[in-house]
C-alpha atoms as a PDB file:
ATOM      1  CA  MET A   1      35.495  56.532   2.097  1.00  0.00           C
ATOM      2  CA  LYS A   2      37.026  52.910   3.942  1.00  0.00           C
ATOM      3  CA  HIS A   3      35.518  49.822   2.392  1.00  0.00           C
ATOM      4  CA  LEU A   4      33.836  47.758   4.809  1.00  0.00           C
ATOM      5  CA  THR A   5      34.636  43.690   4.521  1.00  0.00           C
ATOM      6  CA  PRO A   6      32.192  41.100   6.338  1.00  0.00           C
ATOM      7  CA  ILE A   7      33.942  38.873   8.809  1.00  0.00           C
ATOM      8  CA  PRO A   8      32.604  35.261   8.407  1.00  0.00           C
ATOM      9  CA  GLY A   9      30.202  33.575  11.264  1.00  0.00           C
ATOM     10  CA  ARG A  10      27.141  33.248  12.106  1.00  0.00           C
ATOM     11  CA  LEU A  11      26.337  36.268  14.303  1.00  0.00           C
ATOM     12  CA  PRO A  12      27.622  39.449  12.859  1.00  0.00           C
ATOM     13  CA  ARG A  13      30.491  40.598  12.554  1.00  0.00           C
ATOM     14  CA  TYR A  14      32.216  44.081  11.163  1.00  0.00           C
ATOM     15  CA  GLN A  15      35.700  45.203  10.148  1.00  0.00           C
ATOM     16  CA  LEU A  16      37.087  47.891   8.100  1.00  0.00           C
ATOM     17  CA  GLU A  17      39.448  47.526   5.286  1.00  0.00           C
ATOM     18  CA  GLY A  18      42.979  47.228   6.670  1.00  0.00           C
ATOM     19  CA  GLU A  19      42.130  46.354   9.901  1.00  0.00           C
ATOM     20  CA  PRO A  20      43.565  42.801  11.088  1.00  0.00           C
ATOM     21  CA  MET A  21      40.769  40.136  11.601  1.00  0.00           C
ATOM     22  CA  LYS A  22      39.077  39.489  14.864  1.00  0.00           C
ATOM     23  CA  SER A  23      39.171  35.811  15.856  1.00  0.00           C
ATOM     24  CA  ARG A  24      36.475  34.143  18.050  1.00  0.00           C
ATOM     25  CA  LEU A  25      38.188  33.973  21.603  1.00  0.00           C
ATOM     26  CA  ASP A  26      37.575  32.767  24.796  1.00  0.00           C
ATOM     27  CA  PRO A  27      36.330  35.451  27.095  1.00  0.00           C
ATOM     28  CA  SER A  28      39.583  35.656  29.290  1.00  0.00           C
ATOM     29  CA  THR A  29      41.609  35.909  26.089  1.00  0.00           C
ATOM     30  CA  ALA A  30      38.780  38.515  24.687  1.00  0.00           C
ATOM     31  CA  ALA A  31      38.619  40.480  27.717  1.00  0.00           C
ATOM     32  CA  ARG A  32      42.560  41.038  27.809  1.00  0.00           C
ATOM     33  CA  GLN A  33      42.833  42.361  23.745  1.00  0.00           C
ATOM     34  CA  SER A  34      39.526  44.356  24.712  1.00  0.00           C
ATOM     35  CA  ARG A  35      41.559  46.141  27.561  1.00  0.00           C
ATOM     36  CA  GLU A  36      44.709  46.274  25.471  1.00  0.00           C
ATOM     37  CA  ARG A  37      42.723  47.992  22.138  1.00  0.00           C
ATOM     38  CA  TRP A  38      41.181  50.608  24.503  1.00  0.00           C
ATOM     39  CA  ASP A  39      44.286  51.283  25.998  1.00  0.00           C
ATOM     40  CA  SER A  40      45.623  52.285  22.416  1.00  0.00           C
ATOM     41  CA  GLN A  41      42.500  53.616  21.116  1.00  0.00           C
ATOM     42  CA  PHE A  42      41.645  55.914  24.287  1.00  0.00           C
ATOM     43  CA  SER A  43      44.743  57.019  25.533  1.00  0.00           C
ATOM     44  CA  ALA A  44      43.429  60.424  27.175  1.00  0.00           C
ATOM     45  CA  PRO A  45      43.606  60.159  30.431  1.00  0.00           C
ATOM     46  CA  GLY A  46      40.116  59.076  32.373  1.00  0.00           C
ATOM     47  CA  THR A  47      38.756  57.754  28.794  1.00  0.00           C
ATOM     48  CA  TYR A  48      39.605  53.832  30.420  1.00  0.00           C
ATOM     49  CA  VAL A  49      39.204  53.090  33.563  1.00  0.00           C
ATOM     50  CA  PRO A  50      39.973  48.986  34.361  1.00  0.00           C
ATOM     51  CA  ALA A  51      37.040  49.015  36.727  1.00  0.00           C
ATOM     52  CA  LEU A  52      34.537  49.290  33.531  1.00  0.00           C
ATOM     53  CA  ASP A  53      36.003  45.950  32.187  1.00  0.00           C
ATOM     54  CA  ALA A  54      35.837  44.229  34.994  1.00  0.00           C
ATOM     55  CA  LEU A  55      32.156  44.994  35.003  1.00  0.00           C
ATOM     56  CA  MET A  56      31.886  44.095  31.326  1.00  0.00           C
ATOM     57  CA  GLN A  57      33.202  40.831  32.181  1.00  0.00           C
ATOM     58  CA  ILE A  58      30.829  40.278  34.922  1.00  0.00           C
ATOM     59  CA  LEU A  59      28.037  41.374  32.460  1.00  0.00           C
ATOM     60  CA  ASP A  60      29.411  38.672  30.233  1.00  0.00           C
ATOM     61  CA  ALA A  61      28.834  36.190  33.231  1.00  0.00           C
ATOM     62  CA  LYS A  62      25.895  36.989  33.718  1.00  0.00           C
ATOM     63  CA  ASP A  63      24.360  37.573  30.673  1.00  0.00           C
ATOM     64  CA  GLY A  64      26.586  36.248  27.441  1.00  0.00           C
ATOM     65  CA  TYR A  65      24.130  37.447  24.873  1.00  0.00           C
ATOM     66  CA  THR A  66      23.768  41.190  26.230  1.00  0.00           C
ATOM     67  CA  ALA A  67      27.932  41.438  26.487  1.00  0.00           C
ATOM     68  CA  LEU A  68      28.446  40.231  22.785  1.00  0.00           C
ATOM     69  CA  HIS A  69      25.402  42.274  21.446  1.00  0.00           C
ATOM     70  CA  CYS A  70      27.404  45.757  22.800  1.00  0.00           C
ATOM     71  CA  ARG A  71      31.023  44.098  21.102  1.00  0.00           C
ATOM     72  CA  ARG A  72      28.888  43.876  18.314  1.00  0.00           C
ATOM     73  CA  VAL A  73      27.088  47.333  18.208  1.00  0.00           C
ATOM     74  CA  ARG A  74      30.199  48.696  18.737  1.00  0.00           C
ATOM     75  CA  GLU A  75      31.931  47.609  15.215  1.00  0.00           C
ATOM     76  CA  LEU A  76      28.418  48.506  13.409  1.00  0.00           C
ATOM     77  CA  ALA A  77      28.035  51.665  14.815  1.00  0.00           C
ATOM     78  CA  GLN A  78      31.774  52.136  14.097  1.00  0.00           C
ATOM     79  CA  LEU A  79      31.473  51.910  10.330  1.00  0.00           C
ATOM     80  CA  VAL A  80      28.179  54.249  10.231  1.00  0.00           C
ATOM     81  CA  ALA A  81      29.757  56.988  12.223  1.00  0.00           C
ATOM     82  CA  VAL A  82      33.498  56.510   9.458  1.00  0.00           C
ATOM     83  CA  LYS A  83      30.429  55.966   6.850  1.00  0.00           C
ATOM     84  CA  MET A  84      29.309  59.349   7.943  1.00  0.00           C
ATOM     85  CA  ASP A  85      32.399  61.151   7.642  1.00  0.00           C
ATOM     86  CA  TRP A  86      32.541  62.047  11.478  1.00  0.00           C
ATOM     87  CA  GLN A  87      35.605  63.414  12.915  1.00  0.00           C
ATOM     88  CA  PRO A  88      37.763  60.795  14.889  1.00  0.00           C
ATOM     89  CA  LEU A  89      36.815  61.994  18.319  1.00  0.00           C
ATOM     90  CA  MET A  90      33.031  61.669  17.746  1.00  0.00           C
ATOM     91  CA  VAL A  91      33.560  58.188  15.955  1.00  0.00           C
ATOM     92  CA  ARG A  92      35.653  57.086  19.462  1.00  0.00           C
ATOM     93  CA  THR A  93      32.783  58.592  21.572  1.00  0.00           C
ATOM     94  CA  THR A  94      30.032  56.480  19.517  1.00  0.00           C
ATOM     95  CA  MET A  95      32.230  53.306  19.650  1.00  0.00           C
ATOM     96  CA  LEU A  96      32.805  53.801  23.662  1.00  0.00           C
ATOM     97  CA  ALA A  97      29.092  54.589  24.056  1.00  0.00           C
ATOM     98  CA  ALA A  98      28.564  51.546  22.546  1.00  0.00           C
ATOM     99  CA  TYR A  99      30.622  49.193  24.121  1.00  0.00           C
ATOM    100  CA  TYR A 100      29.067  49.942  27.571  1.00  0.00           C
ATOM    101  CA  HIS A 101      25.641  51.015  26.233  1.00  0.00           C
ATOM    102  CA  ASP A 102      24.040  48.143  28.048  1.00  0.00           C
ATOM    103  CA  ILE A 103      25.992  48.112  31.030  1.00  0.00           C
ATOM    104  CA  GLY A 104      23.028  49.142  33.480  1.00  0.00           C
ATOM    105  CA  LYS A 105      21.559  45.863  32.313  1.00  0.00           C
ATOM    106  CA  LEU A 106      24.007  44.600  35.143  1.00  0.00           C
ATOM    107  CA  GLY A 107      20.980  45.143  37.517  1.00  0.00           C
ATOM    108  CA  ILE A 108      18.190  43.484  35.981  1.00  0.00           C
ATOM    109  CA  CYS A 109      17.600  39.812  36.694  1.00  0.00           C
ATOM    110  CA  ASN A 110      18.208  37.520  33.821  1.00  0.00           C
ATOM    111  CA  CYS A 111      14.552  36.243  34.073  1.00  0.00           C
ATOM    112  CA  VAL A 112      13.713  39.775  32.776  1.00  0.00           C
ATOM    113  CA  LEU A 113      16.377  40.014  30.110  1.00  0.00           C
ATOM    114  CA  ASN A 114      15.329  36.892  28.424  1.00  0.00           C
ATOM    115  CA  LYS A 115      11.646  37.092  28.895  1.00  0.00           C
ATOM    116  CA  PRO A 116      10.078  35.697  25.902  1.00  0.00           C
ATOM    117  CA  GLY A 117       6.481  37.302  26.511  1.00  0.00           C
ATOM    118  CA  ARG A 118       5.163  40.614  27.933  1.00  0.00           C
ATOM    119  CA  LEU A 119       6.981  42.439  30.475  1.00  0.00           C
ATOM    120  CA  SER A 120       4.773  43.016  33.367  1.00  0.00           C
ATOM    121  CA  PRO A 121       4.394  47.224  34.584  1.00  0.00           C
ATOM    122  CA  ALA A 122       6.954  46.539  37.112  1.00  0.00           C
ATOM    123  CA  GLU A 123       9.441  44.863  34.792  1.00  0.00           C
ATOM    124  CA  ARG A 124       9.344  47.380  32.184  1.00  0.00           C
ATOM    125  CA  GLU A 125       9.790  49.920  34.480  1.00  0.00           C
ATOM    126  CA  ALA A 126      12.961  48.117  35.867  1.00  0.00           C
ATOM    127  CA  MET A 127      14.154  47.570  31.715  1.00  0.00           C
ATOM    128  CA  GLN A 128      13.650  51.353  31.376  1.00  0.00           C
ATOM    129  CA  ARG A 129      15.938  52.537  33.796  1.00  0.00           C
ATOM    130  CA  HIS A 130      18.984  50.468  32.561  1.00  0.00           C
ATOM    131  CA  PRO A 131      19.802  53.618  30.282  1.00  0.00           C
ATOM    132  CA  THR A 132      19.910  55.978  33.427  1.00  0.00           C
ATOM    133  CA  VAL A 133      21.745  53.368  35.332  1.00  0.00           C
ATOM    134  CA  GLY A 134      24.270  52.691  32.791  1.00  0.00           C
ATOM    135  CA  ARG A 135      24.926  56.871  32.426  1.00  0.00           C
ATOM    136  CA  GLU A 136      25.430  57.200  36.388  1.00  0.00           C
ATOM    137  CA  LEU A 137      28.309  54.262  36.130  1.00  0.00           C
ATOM    138  CA  ILE A 138      29.992  55.323  33.707  1.00  0.00           C
ATOM    139  CA  GLU A 139      29.792  59.068  35.057  1.00  0.00           C
ATOM    140  CA  SER A 140      30.697  57.467  38.428  1.00  0.00           C
ATOM    141  CA  PHE A 141      34.180  56.745  36.920  1.00  0.00           C
ATOM    142  CA  LEU A 142      34.402  60.163  35.265  1.00  0.00           C
ATOM    143  CA  ILE A 143      35.078  58.667  31.789  1.00  0.00           C
ATOM    144  CA  VAL A 144      33.959  60.902  28.783  1.00  0.00           C
ATOM    145  CA  GLN A 145      30.854  62.702  30.365  1.00  0.00           C
ATOM    146  CA  ARG A 146      29.948  62.728  26.520  1.00  0.00           C
ATOM    147  CA  ALA A 147      29.498  59.069  25.924  1.00  0.00           C
ATOM    148  CA  ALA A 148      27.562  58.964  29.707  1.00  0.00           C
ATOM    149  CA  VAL A 149      25.002  60.900  28.116  1.00  0.00           C
ATOM    150  CA  VAL A 150      25.232  59.160  24.792  1.00  0.00           C
ATOM    151  CA  ILE A 151      24.283  55.984  27.041  1.00  0.00           C
ATOM    152  CA  GLU A 152      21.224  57.362  28.525  1.00  0.00           C
ATOM    153  CA  GLN A 153      20.106  58.554  25.423  1.00  0.00           C
ATOM    154  CA  HIS A 154      20.389  54.985  23.146  1.00  0.00           C
ATOM    155  CA  HIS A 155      16.483  54.431  23.888  1.00  0.00           C
ATOM    156  CA  GLU A 156      15.398  57.992  22.816  1.00  0.00           C
ATOM    157  CA  SER A 157      13.372  57.958  19.350  1.00  0.00           C
ATOM    158  CA  TRP A 158      13.267  60.787  17.000  1.00  0.00           C
ATOM    159  CA  ASP A 159       9.585  61.263  17.637  1.00  0.00           C
ATOM    160  CA  GLY A 160      10.061  61.546  21.257  1.00  0.00           C
ATOM    161  CA  SER A 161       8.366  58.567  21.744  1.00  0.00           C
ATOM    162  CA  GLY A 162      11.295  56.712  22.999  1.00  0.00           C
ATOM    163  CA  TYR A 163      12.589  56.719  27.011  1.00  0.00           C
ATOM    164  CA  PRO A 164      13.985  57.547  29.662  1.00  0.00           C
ATOM    165  CA  HIS A 165      13.193  61.191  28.903  1.00  0.00           C
ATOM    166  CA  GLY A 166      11.215  61.579  25.932  1.00  0.00           C
ATOM    167  CA  ALA A 167      14.111  63.485  24.097  1.00  0.00           C
ATOM    168  CA  ALA A 168      13.382  63.882  20.614  1.00  0.00           C
ATOM    169  CA  GLU A 169      15.264  65.070  17.376  1.00  0.00           C
ATOM    170  CA  ASP A 170      18.031  68.029  17.963  1.00  0.00           C
ATOM    171  CA  ASN A 171      17.811  66.567  21.950  1.00  0.00           C
ATOM    172  CA  ILE A 172      19.278  63.598  20.954  1.00  0.00           C
ATOM    173  CA  LEU A 173      23.047  63.744  20.590  1.00  0.00           C
ATOM    174  CA  PRO A 174      23.920  62.425  17.183  1.00  0.00           C
ATOM    175  CA  GLU A 175      25.952  59.638  18.555  1.00  0.00           C
ATOM    176  CA  ALA A 176      22.875  58.522  19.919  1.00  0.00           C
ATOM    177  CA  ARG A 177      20.762  58.713  16.416  1.00  0.00           C
ATOM    178  CA  ILE A 178      23.391  56.053  15.231  1.00  0.00           C
ATOM    179  CA  LEU A 179      23.413  53.810  18.294  1.00  0.00           C
ATOM    180  CA  ARG A 180      20.189  53.831  18.378  1.00  0.00           C
ATOM    181  CA  VAL A 181      19.465  52.098  14.806  1.00  0.00           C
ATOM    182  CA  CYS A 182      22.638  50.039  15.447  1.00  0.00           C
ATOM    183  CA  ASP A 183      21.132  48.699  18.469  1.00  0.00           C
ATOM    184  CA  VAL A 184      18.046  47.789  17.153  1.00  0.00           C
ATOM    185  CA  TYR A 185      19.626  46.487  13.716  1.00  0.00           C
ATOM    186  CA  ASP A 186      22.031  43.740  15.721  1.00  0.00           C
ATOM    187  CA  ALA A 187      18.943  42.428  18.136  1.00  0.00           C
ATOM    188  CA  LEU A 188      16.467  41.950  14.918  1.00  0.00           C
ATOM    189  CA  VAL A 189      19.079  39.856  13.368  1.00  0.00           C
ATOM    190  CA  THR A 190      20.505  37.724  16.662  1.00  0.00           C
ATOM    191  CA  ASP A 191      19.326  34.557  17.295  1.00  0.00           C
ATOM    192  CA  ARG A 192      17.319  34.995  20.980  1.00  0.00           C
ATOM    193  CA  PRO A 193      16.191  32.158  23.150  1.00  0.00           C
ATOM    194  CA  TYR A 194      12.608  32.649  22.253  1.00  0.00           C
ATOM    195  CA  ARG A 195      12.728  33.623  18.307  1.00  0.00           C
ATOM    196  CA  GLN A 196      15.027  33.017  15.795  1.00  0.00           C
ATOM    197  CA  GLY A 197      17.066  36.091  14.368  1.00  0.00           C
ATOM    198  CA  TYR A 198      15.652  38.083  11.538  1.00  0.00           C
ATOM    199  CA  ALA A 199      16.798  37.890   7.876  1.00  0.00           C
ATOM    200  CA  HIS A 200      18.570  41.047   6.759  1.00  0.00           C
ATOM    201  CA  ASP A 201      15.516  41.902   4.577  1.00  0.00           C
ATOM    202  CA  GLU A 202      13.196  41.793   7.090  1.00  0.00           C
ATOM    203  CA  ALA A 203      15.210  43.846   9.238  1.00  0.00           C
ATOM    204  CA  ALA A 204      16.068  46.188   7.064  1.00  0.00           C
ATOM    205  CA  GLN A 205      12.252  46.706   6.183  1.00  0.00           C
ATOM    206  CA  ILE A 206      11.494  46.945  10.138  1.00  0.00           C
ATOM    207  CA  ILE A 207      14.307  49.984  10.254  1.00  0.00           C
ATOM    208  CA  ARG A 208      12.756  51.510   7.070  1.00  0.00           C
ATOM    209  CA  GLU A 209       9.423  51.224   8.555  1.00  0.00           C
ATOM    210  CA  GLY A 210      10.736  53.508  11.621  1.00  0.00           C
ATOM    211  CA  ILE A 211      12.691  56.236   9.859  1.00  0.00           C
ATOM    212  CA  GLY A 212      11.326  59.118  11.045  1.00  0.00           C
ATOM    213  CA  THR A 213       9.348  58.280  14.313  1.00  0.00           C
ATOM    214  CA  GLU A 214      11.945  55.771  15.861  1.00  0.00           C
ATOM    215  CA  PHE A 215      15.047  56.259  13.844  1.00  0.00           C
ATOM    216  CA  GLU A 216      16.532  59.382  12.842  1.00  0.00           C
ATOM    217  CA  PRO A 217      16.515  59.587   8.748  1.00  0.00           C
ATOM    218  CA  GLN A 218      20.358  59.780   7.662  1.00  0.00           C
ATOM    219  CA  ALA A 219      21.740  57.954  10.755  1.00  0.00           C
ATOM    220  CA  ALA A 220      19.024  54.744   9.961  1.00  0.00           C
ATOM    221  CA  GLU A 221      19.842  55.100   5.530  1.00  0.00           C
ATOM    222  CA  THR A 222      23.719  55.207   6.514  1.00  0.00           C
ATOM    223  CA  LEU A 223      23.177  52.102   8.711  1.00  0.00           C
ATOM    224  CA  LEU A 224      20.998  50.362   5.517  1.00  0.00           C
ATOM    225  CA  CYS A 225      23.901  51.366   3.293  1.00  0.00           C
ATOM    226  CA  VAL A 226      26.121  49.994   5.235  1.00  0.00           C
ATOM    227  CA  THR A 227      25.001  46.636   6.172  1.00  0.00           C
ATOM    228  CA  GLN A 228      23.760  46.595   2.210  1.00  0.00           C
ATOM    229  CA  GLN A 229      27.655  46.569   1.303  1.00  0.00           C
ATOM    230  CA  LEU A 230      28.534  44.439   4.034  1.00  0.00           C
ATOM    231  CA  ARG A 231      25.959  41.898   2.098  1.00  0.00           C
ATOM    232  CA  MET A 232      27.694  42.453  -1.239  1.00  0.00           C
ATOM    233  CA  ALA A 233      30.914  42.227  -0.256  1.00  0.00           C
ATOM    234  CA  ALA A 234      30.030  38.427   1.662  1.00  0.00           C
END
């Protein structure tokens, strides 16, 4: 089992033991290095498309929080998948889906994305379409098809109360179960314009309260184990 090492900084950053430390980079350098990493990690035909990286750069310019959130969720989802001893292909699929999971938000205006209060019915409907828009974008580039389904399912809840399709339990792909809990955890602990991020203990308690309803138990428990290891290693 690989050990986990926290990367210092205000926002959560993660790495596996033996991997090089990632420094904070300007967007153009980060985009180039991200492209190089994907070229090396996803070398199978059709698994990397430069146009998708260009879309992520557009998302970064439109909403810097979402783009950074996608990178952090990718790193955290990788650690959880490795901790669960998944095969490399499933780990890579999880990372790929995590990186692009919010790409569908390109079609949502910033006033909705950053709205501090309750969303209107129309705004909520627009927000709940982003997983399906993300799947359609990924599928249109003929990238890994399973990752496209994972992206569409990343807001589905274990008890069937999520969206866009109300999928539940075994109808949710394992990668999407990990993505769901990592997505929520990172959103909880990160500062937003309208609220300060939760402390780890507060976020962990919220995750625990959602086990069996919002979150698949094994994915949630593994996420809590990983984040606790990161805190102990800090």
